[in-house]
Amino acid sequence: MLNSREEEILKLIVEEYVKTARPVGSNAICDTLNVSSATIRNEMAFLEDEGLLEKTHISSGRIPSEKGYRYYVDNIMKPKELSGEDMLKLQTVVHNSSIVLDDYIARSVEIISEMTNLTAVVLGNSSNENKVTKIEVVPVTENNLVAIIVTDKGHVEHKNIIIEENVGTEDIRKTVDIISKFIVGTPIDEVSSKLEFEVKPIIGNYIKQHEALYNAFYNAFTDFSHPSYTMRGAKNILMQPEFNDVDKIRDILSKFEDKDVVNNIKETEDGVNIYIGSENEFDDDVTVIKTKYNINGEEGTIALIGPKRMEYDRVISLLDYITKNINDR
């Protein structure tokens, strides 16, 4: 453990670097602590030897290391009281009782993403916890439909379906009736199996152009079986000075587009949890702060992703505030 002055120096360096994105020198903090620049340099050298600070180039300035951020989060940082402006922005959603849960969560994380310049992700609960209770199809154009699935948890999914051949509305209606008969009451992740082994062998007995219809619906329901997720502010990563390397930006953006990678962000622990750099499975150069929510048995994860240089104290408070309000709805 560090002594009180060492902790204060680390705190000042972390918070100054978060604010400016520039290495912090001794002159930037010696006046605050009312000690000499030489004393600060000695303390900074000690913190560097302990692996809590590091140099990015030959200047005397230091930046927090991954270990330094972890020490700051675990031993120094305290959640920041939300400002009146932050509260006002969030309350426009919190006090709107007319919007459904999915829209409430999506709008909340969109606001937090805008406020923090971080990428926000919402992961729905796993599909085996949702059973199909209703299927509807809405025609958009002659070959374009929207399939809507409602689950027993009140979750609503929709998917555009494009049918390559011209198919009559009566055949579409019959297809929906047959599929509904077999899959209502089935967990979403078992729907594809039921379609393949129970619906496919018999649908040709009732519908002439069954192959085009079956393939379109099968592909749609296969997509439904993956946990749903919403992402806001993916391009915020482009505004961070840490990510000025084209290859690095391309790598992170490709991960944002990879459903399997994003779905692995799911949180299993209670509370707001912080995974810095190598502690998360998403990318060693980012921090992932995430929490799970639970409302009427519907579980999910809210995560914020950004550089290791972030306002941890504010982000934690924002996530904690919005999660408590979700759980209280």
C-alpha atoms as a PDB file:
ATOM      1  CA  MET A   1       0.000   0.000   0.000  1.00  0.00           C
ATOM      2  CA  LEU A   2       1.104   3.566  -0.662  1.00  0.00           C
ATOM      3  CA  ASN A   3       1.313   6.245   1.978  1.00  0.00           C
ATOM      4  CA  SER A   4      -1.073   9.190   1.887  1.00  0.00           C
ATOM      5  CA  ARG A   5       1.216  11.505  -0.113  1.00  0.00           C
ATOM      6  CA  GLU A   6       2.005   8.834  -2.679  1.00  0.00           C
ATOM      7  CA  GLU A   7      -1.700   8.140  -3.092  1.00  0.00           C
ATOM      8  CA  GLU A   8      -2.444  11.854  -3.475  1.00  0.00           C
ATOM      9  CA  ILE A   9       0.224  12.178  -6.171  1.00  0.00           C
ATOM     10  CA  LEU A  10      -1.113   9.151  -8.043  1.00  0.00           C
ATOM     11  CA  LYS A  11      -4.636  10.553  -7.754  1.00  0.00           C
ATOM     12  CA  LEU A  12      -3.599  13.941  -9.141  1.00  0.00           C
ATOM     13  CA  ILE A  13      -1.707  12.342 -12.024  1.00  0.00           C
ATOM     14  CA  VAL A  14      -4.607  10.051 -12.961  1.00  0.00           C
ATOM     15  CA  GLU A  15      -7.159  12.853 -12.846  1.00  0.00           C
ATOM     16  CA  GLU A  16      -4.952  15.339 -14.705  1.00  0.00           C
ATOM     17  CA  TYR A  17      -4.143  12.805 -17.415  1.00  0.00           C
ATOM     18  CA  VAL A  18      -7.823  11.880 -17.773  1.00  0.00           C
ATOM     19  CA  LYS A  19      -8.585  15.560 -18.263  1.00  0.00           C
ATOM     20  CA  THR A  20      -5.766  16.509 -20.676  1.00  0.00           C
ATOM     21  CA  ALA A  21      -4.563  13.245 -22.290  1.00  0.00           C
ATOM     22  CA  ARG A  22      -1.017  14.596 -21.861  1.00  0.00           C
ATOM     23  CA  PRO A  23       1.796  13.189 -19.671  1.00  0.00           C
ATOM     24  CA  VAL A  24       1.895  14.894 -16.278  1.00  0.00           C
ATOM     25  CA  GLY A  25       5.088  16.542 -15.011  1.00  0.00           C
ATOM     26  CA  SER A  26       6.077  17.442 -11.472  1.00  0.00           C
ATOM     27  CA  ASN A  27       5.363  21.157 -11.985  1.00  0.00           C
ATOM     28  CA  ALA A  28       1.707  20.403 -12.627  1.00  0.00           C
ATOM     29  CA  ILE A  29       1.158  19.108  -9.106  1.00  0.00           C
ATOM     30  CA  CYS A  30       3.823  20.550  -6.796  1.00  0.00           C
ATOM     31  CA  ASP A  31       1.808  23.720  -6.103  1.00  0.00           C
ATOM     32  CA  THR A  32      -1.281  21.680  -5.211  1.00  0.00           C
ATOM     33  CA  LEU A  33       0.657  19.733  -2.573  1.00  0.00           C
ATOM     34  CA  ASN A  34       2.843  22.676  -1.549  1.00  0.00           C
ATOM     35  CA  VAL A  35       6.063  20.677  -1.866  1.00  0.00           C
ATOM     36  CA  SER A  36       9.114  21.114  -4.073  1.00  0.00           C
ATOM     37  CA  SER A  37       9.299  19.908  -7.635  1.00  0.00           C
ATOM     38  CA  ALA A  38      12.286  17.740  -6.673  1.00  0.00           C
ATOM     39  CA  THR A  39      10.244  15.960  -4.010  1.00  0.00           C
ATOM     40  CA  ILE A  40       7.446  15.279  -6.487  1.00  0.00           C
ATOM     41  CA  ARG A  41       9.946  13.935  -9.035  1.00  0.00           C
ATOM     42  CA  ASN A  42      11.349  11.530  -6.439  1.00  0.00           C
ATOM     43  CA  GLU A  43       7.854  10.319  -5.548  1.00  0.00           C
ATOM     44  CA  MET A  44       6.966   9.936  -9.222  1.00  0.00           C
ATOM     45  CA  ALA A  45      10.134   7.890  -9.768  1.00  0.00           C
ATOM     46  CA  PHE A  46       9.090   5.640  -6.870  1.00  0.00           C
ATOM     47  CA  LEU A  47       5.586   5.195  -8.316  1.00  0.00           C
ATOM     48  CA  GLU A  48       7.161   4.328 -11.659  1.00  0.00           C
ATOM     49  CA  ASP A  49       9.402   1.731  -9.988  1.00  0.00           C
ATOM     50  CA  GLU A  50       6.254   0.261  -8.396  1.00  0.00           C
ATOM     51  CA  GLY A  51       4.706  -0.094 -11.842  1.00  0.00           C
ATOM     52  CA  LEU A  52       1.963   2.453 -11.163  1.00  0.00           C
ATOM     53  CA  LEU A  53       3.237   5.101 -13.576  1.00  0.00           C
ATOM     54  CA  GLU A  54       5.026   4.896 -16.907  1.00  0.00           C
ATOM     55  CA  LYS A  55       6.748   7.147 -19.413  1.00  0.00           C
ATOM     56  CA  THR A  56       5.559   7.374 -22.985  1.00  0.00           C
ATOM     57  CA  HIS A  57       8.696   9.135 -24.261  1.00  0.00           C
ATOM     58  CA  ILE A  58      11.823  10.865 -22.985  1.00  0.00           C
ATOM     59  CA  SER A  59      10.044  13.813 -21.326  1.00  0.00           C
ATOM     60  CA  SER A  60       9.807  13.890 -17.538  1.00  0.00           C
ATOM     61  CA  GLY A  61       6.020  13.535 -17.654  1.00  0.00           C
ATOM     62  CA  ARG A  62       4.327  10.307 -16.577  1.00  0.00           C
ATOM     63  CA  ILE A  63       1.008   8.627 -17.301  1.00  0.00           C
ATOM     64  CA  PRO A  64      -0.836   6.016 -15.224  1.00  0.00           C
ATOM     65  CA  SER A  65      -0.098   2.393 -16.065  1.00  0.00           C
ATOM     66  CA  GLU A  66      -2.771  -0.293 -16.117  1.00  0.00           C
ATOM     67  CA  LYS A  67      -1.666  -1.211 -12.595  1.00  0.00           C
ATOM     68  CA  GLY A  68      -1.868   2.457 -11.611  1.00  0.00           C
ATOM     69  CA  TYR A  69      -5.438   2.753 -12.817  1.00  0.00           C
ATOM     70  CA  ARG A  70      -6.337  -0.400 -10.908  1.00  0.00           C
ATOM     71  CA  TYR A  71      -4.802   0.948  -7.684  1.00  0.00           C
ATOM     72  CA  TYR A  72      -6.611   4.253  -8.199  1.00  0.00           C
ATOM     73  CA  VAL A  73      -9.972   2.525  -8.751  1.00  0.00           C
ATOM     74  CA  ASP A  74      -9.597   0.111  -5.819  1.00  0.00           C
ATOM     75  CA  ASN A  75      -8.024   2.357  -3.189  1.00  0.00           C
ATOM     76  CA  ILE A  76      -8.389   6.047  -4.024  1.00  0.00           C
ATOM     77  CA  MET A  77     -11.375   6.794  -6.224  1.00  0.00           C
ATOM     78  CA  LYS A  78     -14.804   7.577  -4.817  1.00  0.00           C
ATOM     79  CA  PRO A  79     -17.959   7.658  -6.956  1.00  0.00           C
ATOM     80  CA  LYS A  80     -18.594  11.193  -8.144  1.00  0.00           C
ATOM     81  CA  GLU A  81     -21.813  12.948  -7.224  1.00  0.00           C
ATOM     82  CA  LEU A  82     -23.732  13.560 -10.421  1.00  0.00           C
ATOM     83  CA  SER A  83     -24.010  17.169 -11.490  1.00  0.00           C
ATOM     84  CA  GLY A  84     -27.347  18.896 -11.911  1.00  0.00           C
ATOM     85  CA  GLU A  85     -26.829  18.859 -15.672  1.00  0.00           C
ATOM     86  CA  ASP A  86     -26.186  15.099 -15.691  1.00  0.00           C
ATOM     87  CA  MET A  87     -29.257  14.451 -13.540  1.00  0.00           C
ATOM     88  CA  LEU A  88     -31.446  16.653 -15.735  1.00  0.00           C
ATOM     89  CA  LYS A  89     -30.448  14.787 -18.909  1.00  0.00           C
ATOM     90  CA  LEU A  90     -31.068  11.371 -17.366  1.00  0.00           C
ATOM     91  CA  GLN A  91     -34.342  12.337 -15.733  1.00  0.00           C
ATOM     92  CA  THR A  92     -35.892  13.154 -19.100  1.00  0.00           C
ATOM     93  CA  VAL A  93     -35.909   9.371 -19.576  1.00  0.00           C
ATOM     94  CA  VAL A  94     -36.200   8.183 -15.967  1.00  0.00           C
ATOM     95  CA  HIS A  95     -39.449  10.069 -15.366  1.00  0.00           C
ATOM     96  CA  ASN A  96     -41.010   9.079 -18.685  1.00  0.00           C
ATOM     97  CA  SER A  97     -43.276   6.218 -17.626  1.00  0.00           C
ATOM     98  CA  SER A  98     -44.874   5.922 -21.066  1.00  0.00           C
ATOM     99  CA  ILE A  99     -41.924   4.261 -22.816  1.00  0.00           C
ATOM    100  CA  VAL A 100     -41.420   0.498 -22.776  1.00  0.00           C
ATOM    101  CA  LEU A 101     -38.454  -1.094 -21.039  1.00  0.00           C
ATOM    102  CA  ASP A 102     -36.364  -1.755 -24.162  1.00  0.00           C
ATOM    103  CA  ASP A 103     -36.737   1.848 -25.345  1.00  0.00           C
ATOM    104  CA  TYR A 104     -36.079   3.146 -21.836  1.00  0.00           C
ATOM    105  CA  ILE A 105     -32.786   1.252 -21.592  1.00  0.00           C
ATOM    106  CA  ALA A 106     -31.729   2.101 -25.152  1.00  0.00           C
ATOM    107  CA  ARG A 107     -32.406   5.817 -24.651  1.00  0.00           C
ATOM    108  CA  SER A 108     -30.657   5.830 -21.261  1.00  0.00           C
ATOM    109  CA  VAL A 109     -27.439   4.335 -22.608  1.00  0.00           C
ATOM    110  CA  GLU A 110     -27.588   6.620 -25.630  1.00  0.00           C
ATOM    111  CA  ILE A 111     -27.603   9.621 -23.276  1.00  0.00           C
ATOM    112  CA  ILE A 112     -24.742   8.197 -21.205  1.00  0.00           C
ATOM    113  CA  SER A 113     -22.732   7.529 -24.367  1.00  0.00           C
ATOM    114  CA  GLU A 114     -23.243  11.141 -25.460  1.00  0.00           C
ATOM    115  CA  MET A 115     -22.325  12.465 -22.002  1.00  0.00           C
ATOM    116  CA  THR A 116     -19.122  10.440 -21.679  1.00  0.00           C
ATOM    117  CA  ASN A 117     -17.976   9.999 -25.300  1.00  0.00           C
ATOM    118  CA  LEU A 118     -17.789   6.263 -24.603  1.00  0.00           C
ATOM    119  CA  THR A 119     -19.330   3.373 -26.495  1.00  0.00           C
ATOM    120  CA  ALA A 120     -22.394   1.932 -24.751  1.00  0.00           C
ATOM    121  CA  VAL A 121     -23.626  -1.634 -25.170  1.00  0.00           C
ATOM    122  CA  VAL A 122     -26.835  -3.236 -23.889  1.00  0.00           C
ATOM    123  CA  LEU A 123     -27.048  -7.022 -23.963  1.00  0.00           C
ATOM    124  CA  GLY A 124     -30.415  -8.715 -23.549  1.00  0.00           C
ATOM    125  CA  ASN A 125     -30.786 -11.933 -21.612  1.00  0.00           C
ATOM    126  CA  SER A 126     -30.006 -15.264 -23.210  1.00  0.00           C
ATOM    127  CA  SER A 127     -32.590 -16.652 -25.593  1.00  0.00           C
ATOM    128  CA  ASN A 128     -33.188 -19.889 -23.677  1.00  0.00           C
ATOM    129  CA  GLU A 129     -34.866 -17.780 -20.982  1.00  0.00           C
ATOM    130  CA  ASN A 130     -37.469 -16.459 -23.454  1.00  0.00           C
ATOM    131  CA  LYS A 131     -40.318 -18.574 -24.808  1.00  0.00           C
ATOM    132  CA  VAL A 132     -42.238 -17.570 -27.920  1.00  0.00           C
ATOM    133  CA  THR A 133     -45.828 -16.545 -27.167  1.00  0.00           C
ATOM    134  CA  LYS A 134     -46.831 -14.838 -30.402  1.00  0.00           C
ATOM    135  CA  ILE A 135     -45.711 -14.465 -34.011  1.00  0.00           C
ATOM    136  CA  GLU A 136     -46.942 -11.804 -36.393  1.00  0.00           C
ATOM    137  CA  VAL A 137     -45.950 -10.872 -39.936  1.00  0.00           C
ATOM    138  CA  VAL A 138     -46.501  -7.407 -41.378  1.00  0.00           C
ATOM    139  CA  PRO A 139     -46.198  -6.984 -45.190  1.00  0.00           C
ATOM    140  CA  VAL A 140     -44.081  -3.997 -46.207  1.00  0.00           C
ATOM    141  CA  THR A 141     -43.805  -4.551 -49.951  1.00  0.00           C
ATOM    142  CA  GLU A 142     -44.578  -7.494 -52.226  1.00  0.00           C
ATOM    143  CA  ASN A 143     -41.363  -9.319 -51.294  1.00  0.00           C
ATOM    144  CA  ASN A 144     -40.522  -7.646 -48.003  1.00  0.00           C
ATOM    145  CA  LEU A 145     -42.054  -8.581 -44.643  1.00  0.00           C
ATOM    146  CA  VAL A 146     -41.421  -7.779 -41.010  1.00  0.00           C
ATOM    147  CA  ALA A 147     -41.632 -10.745 -38.639  1.00  0.00           C
ATOM    148  CA  ILE A 148     -42.440  -9.878 -35.020  1.00  0.00           C
ATOM    149  CA  ILE A 149     -41.871 -12.273 -32.122  1.00  0.00           C
ATOM    150  CA  VAL A 150     -43.239 -11.666 -28.634  1.00  0.00           C
ATOM    151  CA  THR A 151     -41.890 -13.704 -25.689  1.00  0.00           C
ATOM    152  CA  ASP A 152     -43.321 -14.640 -22.320  1.00  0.00           C
ATOM    153  CA  LYS A 153     -40.999 -12.084 -20.691  1.00  0.00           C
ATOM    154  CA  GLY A 154     -42.595  -9.288 -22.711  1.00  0.00           C
ATOM    155  CA  HIS A 155     -39.589  -9.039 -25.015  1.00  0.00           C
ATOM    156  CA  VAL A 156     -40.359  -7.985 -28.602  1.00  0.00           C
ATOM    157  CA  GLU A 157     -38.048  -8.760 -31.520  1.00  0.00           C
ATOM    158  CA  HIS A 158     -38.534  -7.842 -35.153  1.00  0.00           C
ATOM    159  CA  LYS A 159     -36.702  -8.893 -38.278  1.00  0.00           C
ATOM    160  CA  ASN A 160     -36.979  -7.898 -41.923  1.00  0.00           C
ATOM    161  CA  ILE A 161     -37.654 -10.875 -44.202  1.00  0.00           C
ATOM    162  CA  ILE A 162     -36.968 -10.716 -47.914  1.00  0.00           C
ATOM    163  CA  ILE A 163     -38.592 -13.441 -50.036  1.00  0.00           C
ATOM    164  CA  GLU A 164     -36.777 -13.960 -53.325  1.00  0.00           C
ATOM    165  CA  GLU A 165     -39.869 -15.194 -55.199  1.00  0.00           C
ATOM    166  CA  ASN A 166     -43.337 -13.713 -55.596  1.00  0.00           C
ATOM    167  CA  VAL A 167     -45.490 -15.470 -53.009  1.00  0.00           C
ATOM    168  CA  GLY A 168     -49.186 -14.984 -52.402  1.00  0.00           C
ATOM    169  CA  THR A 169     -50.454 -13.526 -49.139  1.00  0.00           C
ATOM    170  CA  GLU A 170     -52.488 -16.679 -48.487  1.00  0.00           C
ATOM    171  CA  ASP A 171     -49.336 -18.837 -48.574  1.00  0.00           C
ATOM    172  CA  ILE A 172     -47.618 -16.415 -46.220  1.00  0.00           C
ATOM    173  CA  ARG A 173     -50.570 -16.610 -43.825  1.00  0.00           C
ATOM    174  CA  LYS A 174     -50.558 -20.405 -43.933  1.00  0.00           C
ATOM    175  CA  THR A 175     -46.802 -20.475 -43.291  1.00  0.00           C
ATOM    176  CA  VAL A 176     -47.166 -18.262 -40.217  1.00  0.00           C
ATOM    177  CA  ASP A 177     -50.045 -20.431 -38.939  1.00  0.00           C
ATOM    178  CA  ILE A 178     -48.008 -23.632 -39.321  1.00  0.00           C
ATOM    179  CA  ILE A 179     -44.909 -22.153 -37.707  1.00  0.00           C
ATOM    180  CA  SER A 180     -46.951 -20.700 -34.837  1.00  0.00           C
ATOM    181  CA  LYS A 181     -48.564 -24.067 -34.160  1.00  0.00           C
ATOM    182  CA  PHE A 182     -45.178 -25.700 -33.680  1.00  0.00           C
ATOM    183  CA  ILE A 183     -43.079 -23.057 -31.934  1.00  0.00           C
ATOM    184  CA  VAL A 184     -45.371 -21.080 -29.588  1.00  0.00           C
ATOM    185  CA  GLY A 185     -44.245 -22.060 -26.093  1.00  0.00           C
ATOM    186  CA  THR A 186     -40.750 -22.983 -27.327  1.00  0.00           C
ATOM    187  CA  PRO A 187     -37.559 -21.278 -26.007  1.00  0.00           C
ATOM    188  CA  ILE A 188     -36.164 -19.049 -28.749  1.00  0.00           C
ATOM    189  CA  ASP A 189     -32.886 -20.955 -28.978  1.00  0.00           C
ATOM    190  CA  GLU A 190     -34.791 -24.172 -29.764  1.00  0.00           C
ATOM    191  CA  VAL A 191     -36.898 -22.651 -32.543  1.00  0.00           C
ATOM    192  CA  SER A 192     -34.406 -23.388 -35.352  1.00  0.00           C
ATOM    193  CA  SER A 193     -34.314 -27.058 -34.385  1.00  0.00           C
ATOM    194  CA  LYS A 194     -38.119 -27.307 -34.386  1.00  0.00           C
ATOM    195  CA  LEU A 195     -38.297 -25.630 -37.780  1.00  0.00           C
ATOM    196  CA  GLU A 196     -35.727 -28.008 -39.238  1.00  0.00           C
ATOM    197  CA  PHE A 197     -37.030 -31.289 -37.842  1.00  0.00           C
ATOM    198  CA  GLU A 198     -40.767 -30.716 -37.390  1.00  0.00           C
ATOM    199  CA  VAL A 199     -41.919 -27.948 -39.735  1.00  0.00           C
ATOM    200  CA  LYS A 200     -39.697 -28.552 -42.778  1.00  0.00           C
ATOM    201  CA  PRO A 201     -40.832 -32.177 -43.379  1.00  0.00           C
ATOM    202  CA  ILE A 202     -44.528 -31.244 -43.577  1.00  0.00           C
ATOM    203  CA  ILE A 203     -44.764 -27.673 -44.877  1.00  0.00           C
ATOM    204  CA  GLY A 204     -44.642 -28.823 -48.500  1.00  0.00           C
ATOM    205  CA  ASN A 205     -47.940 -30.635 -47.999  1.00  0.00           C
ATOM    206  CA  TYR A 206     -49.760 -27.327 -47.458  1.00  0.00           C
ATOM    207  CA  ILE A 207     -47.852 -24.636 -49.345  1.00  0.00           C
ATOM    208  CA  LYS A 208     -46.755 -24.670 -52.998  1.00  0.00           C
ATOM    209  CA  GLN A 209     -43.823 -22.270 -52.782  1.00  0.00           C
ATOM    210  CA  HIS A 210     -42.788 -23.628 -49.416  1.00  0.00           C
ATOM    211  CA  GLU A 211     -39.035 -23.648 -50.034  1.00  0.00           C
ATOM    212  CA  ALA A 212     -38.638 -19.885 -50.503  1.00  0.00           C
ATOM    213  CA  LEU A 213     -40.925 -19.166 -47.538  1.00  0.00           C
ATOM    214  CA  TYR A 214     -39.336 -21.748 -45.265  1.00  0.00           C
ATOM    215  CA  ASN A 215     -35.778 -20.538 -45.965  1.00  0.00           C
ATOM    216  CA  ALA A 216     -36.734 -16.912 -45.334  1.00  0.00           C
ATOM    217  CA  PHE A 217     -38.408 -17.686 -42.006  1.00  0.00           C
ATOM    218  CA  TYR A 218     -35.691 -20.125 -40.933  1.00  0.00           C
ATOM    219  CA  ASN A 219     -32.983 -17.489 -41.444  1.00  0.00           C
ATOM    220  CA  ALA A 220     -35.022 -14.915 -39.528  1.00  0.00           C
ATOM    221  CA  PHE A 221     -35.624 -17.188 -36.542  1.00  0.00           C
ATOM    222  CA  THR A 222     -31.977 -18.250 -36.468  1.00  0.00           C
ATOM    223  CA  ASP A 223     -31.051 -14.591 -35.993  1.00  0.00           C
ATOM    224  CA  PHE A 224     -33.602 -14.314 -33.173  1.00  0.00           C
ATOM    225  CA  SER A 225     -31.864 -17.107 -31.262  1.00  0.00           C
ATOM    226  CA  HIS A 226     -28.814 -14.942 -30.562  1.00  0.00           C
ATOM    227  CA  PRO A 227     -28.948 -12.687 -27.487  1.00  0.00           C
ATOM    228  CA  SER A 228     -30.078  -9.241 -28.568  1.00  0.00           C
ATOM    229  CA  TYR A 229     -27.811  -6.259 -28.181  1.00  0.00           C
ATOM    230  CA  THR A 230     -27.926  -2.544 -28.743  1.00  0.00           C
ATOM    231  CA  MET A 231     -24.858  -0.374 -29.309  1.00  0.00           C
ATOM    232  CA  ARG A 232     -24.567   3.383 -29.140  1.00  0.00           C
ATOM    233  CA  GLY A 233     -21.577   5.609 -29.860  1.00  0.00           C
ATOM    234  CA  ALA A 234     -19.334   3.033 -31.558  1.00  0.00           C
ATOM    235  CA  LYS A 235     -17.562   5.830 -33.431  1.00  0.00           C
ATOM    236  CA  ASN A 236     -16.733   7.647 -30.192  1.00  0.00           C
ATOM    237  CA  ILE A 237     -13.567   5.575 -30.113  1.00  0.00           C
ATOM    238  CA  LEU A 238     -12.366   7.585 -33.124  1.00  0.00           C
ATOM    239  CA  MET A 239     -12.332  10.768 -31.024  1.00  0.00           C
ATOM    240  CA  GLN A 240      -9.949   9.373 -28.405  1.00  0.00           C
ATOM    241  CA  PRO A 241      -6.303  10.476 -28.828  1.00  0.00           C
ATOM    242  CA  GLU A 242      -5.091   7.064 -27.645  1.00  0.00           C
ATOM    243  CA  PHE A 243      -6.476   5.505 -30.791  1.00  0.00           C
ATOM    244  CA  ASN A 244      -4.758   7.440 -33.563  1.00  0.00           C
ATOM    245  CA  ASP A 245      -3.366   4.265 -35.125  1.00  0.00           C
ATOM    246  CA  VAL A 246      -5.442   3.220 -38.123  1.00  0.00           C
ATOM    247  CA  ASP A 247      -4.846  -0.496 -37.581  1.00  0.00           C
ATOM    248  CA  LYS A 248      -5.886  -0.248 -33.929  1.00  0.00           C
ATOM    249  CA  ILE A 249      -9.057   1.647 -34.789  1.00  0.00           C
ATOM    250  CA  ARG A 250      -9.902  -0.903 -37.474  1.00  0.00           C
ATOM    251  CA  ASP A 251      -9.348  -3.744 -35.006  1.00  0.00           C
ATOM    252  CA  ILE A 252     -11.635  -2.265 -32.341  1.00  0.00           C
ATOM    253  CA  LEU A 253     -14.373  -1.307 -34.789  1.00  0.00           C
ATOM    254  CA  SER A 254     -14.325  -4.829 -36.224  1.00  0.00           C
ATOM    255  CA  LYS A 255     -14.863  -6.179 -32.706  1.00  0.00           C
ATOM    256  CA  PHE A 256     -17.866  -3.878 -32.270  1.00  0.00           C
ATOM    257  CA  GLU A 257     -19.351  -5.509 -35.379  1.00  0.00           C
ATOM    258  CA  ASP A 258     -18.652  -9.077 -34.231  1.00  0.00           C
ATOM    259  CA  LYS A 259     -21.766 -10.440 -32.473  1.00  0.00           C
ATOM    260  CA  ASP A 260     -19.850 -13.199 -30.697  1.00  0.00           C
ATOM    261  CA  VAL A 261     -17.261 -10.776 -29.308  1.00  0.00           C
ATOM    262  CA  VAL A 262     -19.927  -8.320 -28.155  1.00  0.00           C
ATOM    263  CA  ASN A 263     -22.050 -11.049 -26.565  1.00  0.00           C
ATOM    264  CA  ASN A 264     -19.051 -12.086 -24.434  1.00  0.00           C
ATOM    265  CA  ILE A 265     -19.315  -8.724 -22.655  1.00  0.00           C
ATOM    266  CA  LYS A 266     -22.202 -10.125 -20.596  1.00  0.00           C
ATOM    267  CA  GLU A 267     -21.779  -9.445 -16.850  1.00  0.00           C
ATOM    268  CA  THR A 268     -22.442 -12.156 -14.272  1.00  0.00           C
ATOM    269  CA  GLU A 269     -21.433 -10.351 -11.069  1.00  0.00           C
ATOM    270  CA  ASP A 270     -23.542  -7.906  -9.080  1.00  0.00           C
ATOM    271  CA  GLY A 271     -22.758  -4.204  -8.855  1.00  0.00           C
ATOM    272  CA  VAL A 272     -20.788  -1.969 -11.214  1.00  0.00           C
ATOM    273  CA  ASN A 273     -17.577  -3.742 -12.232  1.00  0.00           C
ATOM    274  CA  ILE A 274     -14.457  -2.369 -13.901  1.00  0.00           C
ATOM    275  CA  TYR A 275     -12.197  -4.378 -16.212  1.00  0.00           C
ATOM    276  CA  ILE A 276      -9.065  -2.451 -17.166  1.00  0.00           C
ATOM    277  CA  GLY A 277      -6.947  -3.421 -20.158  1.00  0.00           C
ATOM    278  CA  SER A 278      -5.847  -7.054 -19.935  1.00  0.00           C
ATOM    279  CA  GLU A 279      -8.549  -7.727 -17.312  1.00  0.00           C
ATOM    280  CA  ASN A 280     -11.270  -7.702 -19.988  1.00  0.00           C
ATOM    281  CA  GLU A 281     -11.726 -10.104 -22.883  1.00  0.00           C
ATOM    282  CA  PHE A 282     -12.669  -7.402 -25.373  1.00  0.00           C
ATOM    283  CA  ASP A 283      -9.373  -5.577 -25.979  1.00  0.00           C
ATOM    284  CA  ASP A 284      -6.209  -4.942 -23.933  1.00  0.00           C
ATOM    285  CA  ASP A 285      -6.186  -1.238 -24.816  1.00  0.00           C
ATOM    286  CA  VAL A 286      -9.627  -0.409 -23.431  1.00  0.00           C
ATOM    287  CA  THR A 287     -11.524  -0.425 -20.171  1.00  0.00           C
ATOM    288  CA  VAL A 288     -14.941  -2.064 -19.963  1.00  0.00           C
ATOM    289  CA  ILE A 289     -17.224  -0.914 -17.126  1.00  0.00           C
ATOM    290  CA  LYS A 290     -20.370  -2.981 -16.860  1.00  0.00           C
ATOM    291  CA  THR A 291     -23.278  -3.904 -14.669  1.00  0.00           C
ATOM    292  CA  LYS A 292     -26.243  -6.239 -14.934  1.00  0.00           C
ATOM    293  CA  TYR A 293     -29.870  -5.251 -14.509  1.00  0.00           C
ATOM    294  CA  ASN A 294     -32.858  -7.333 -13.488  1.00  0.00           C
ATOM    295  CA  ILE A 295     -36.492  -6.364 -13.904  1.00  0.00           C
ATOM    296  CA  ASN A 296     -39.303  -8.864 -13.496  1.00  0.00           C
ATOM    297  CA  GLY A 297     -36.864 -11.699 -14.135  1.00  0.00           C
ATOM    298  CA  GLU A 298     -35.544 -10.060 -17.327  1.00  0.00           C
ATOM    299  CA  GLU A 299     -31.762  -9.854 -16.987  1.00  0.00           C
ATOM    300  CA  GLY A 300     -29.286  -8.015 -19.146  1.00  0.00           C
ATOM    301  CA  THR A 301     -25.986  -6.170 -19.157  1.00  0.00           C
ATOM    302  CA  ILE A 302     -25.139  -2.508 -19.668  1.00  0.00           C
ATOM    303  CA  ALA A 303     -21.490  -1.801 -20.525  1.00  0.00           C
ATOM    304  CA  LEU A 304     -19.433   1.273 -21.351  1.00  0.00           C
ATOM    305  CA  ILE A 305     -16.255   0.831 -23.391  1.00  0.00           C
ATOM    306  CA  GLY A 306     -13.506   3.377 -23.879  1.00  0.00           C
ATOM    307  CA  PRO A 307      -9.837   4.128 -23.319  1.00  0.00           C
ATOM    308  CA  LYS A 308      -8.221   3.287 -19.995  1.00  0.00           C
ATOM    309  CA  ARG A 309      -8.018   7.064 -19.571  1.00  0.00           C
ATOM    310  CA  MET A 310     -11.618   7.720 -18.530  1.00  0.00           C
ATOM    311  CA  GLU A 311     -13.562   9.416 -15.746  1.00  0.00           C
ATOM    312  CA  TYR A 312     -14.043   6.288 -13.656  1.00  0.00           C
ATOM    313  CA  ASP A 313     -15.708   8.118 -10.771  1.00  0.00           C
ATOM    314  CA  ARG A 314     -18.345   9.723 -13.024  1.00  0.00           C
ATOM    315  CA  VAL A 315     -18.974   6.681 -15.220  1.00  0.00           C
ATOM    316  CA  ILE A 316     -19.587   4.460 -12.185  1.00  0.00           C
ATOM    317  CA  SER A 317     -22.104   6.926 -10.785  1.00  0.00           C
ATOM    318  CA  LEU A 318     -23.932   7.206 -14.119  1.00  0.00           C
ATOM    319  CA  LEU A 319     -24.178   3.427 -14.518  1.00  0.00           C
ATOM    320  CA  ASP A 320     -25.244   2.953 -10.912  1.00  0.00           C
ATOM    321  CA  TYR A 321     -27.944   5.617 -11.226  1.00  0.00           C
ATOM    322  CA  ILE A 322     -29.470   4.286 -14.422  1.00  0.00           C
ATOM    323  CA  THR A 323     -29.327   0.633 -13.279  1.00  0.00           C
ATOM    324  CA  LYS A 324     -31.129   1.408 -10.024  1.00  0.00           C
ATOM    325  CA  ASN A 325     -33.844   3.191 -11.952  1.00  0.00           C
ATOM    326  CA  ILE A 326     -34.180   0.269 -14.376  1.00  0.00           C
ATOM    327  CA  ASN A 327     -34.508  -2.199 -11.494  1.00  0.00           C
ATOM    328  CA  ASP A 328     -37.121   0.014  -9.812  1.00  0.00           C
ATOM    329  CA  ARG A 329     -39.413   0.265 -12.847  1.00  0.00           C
END
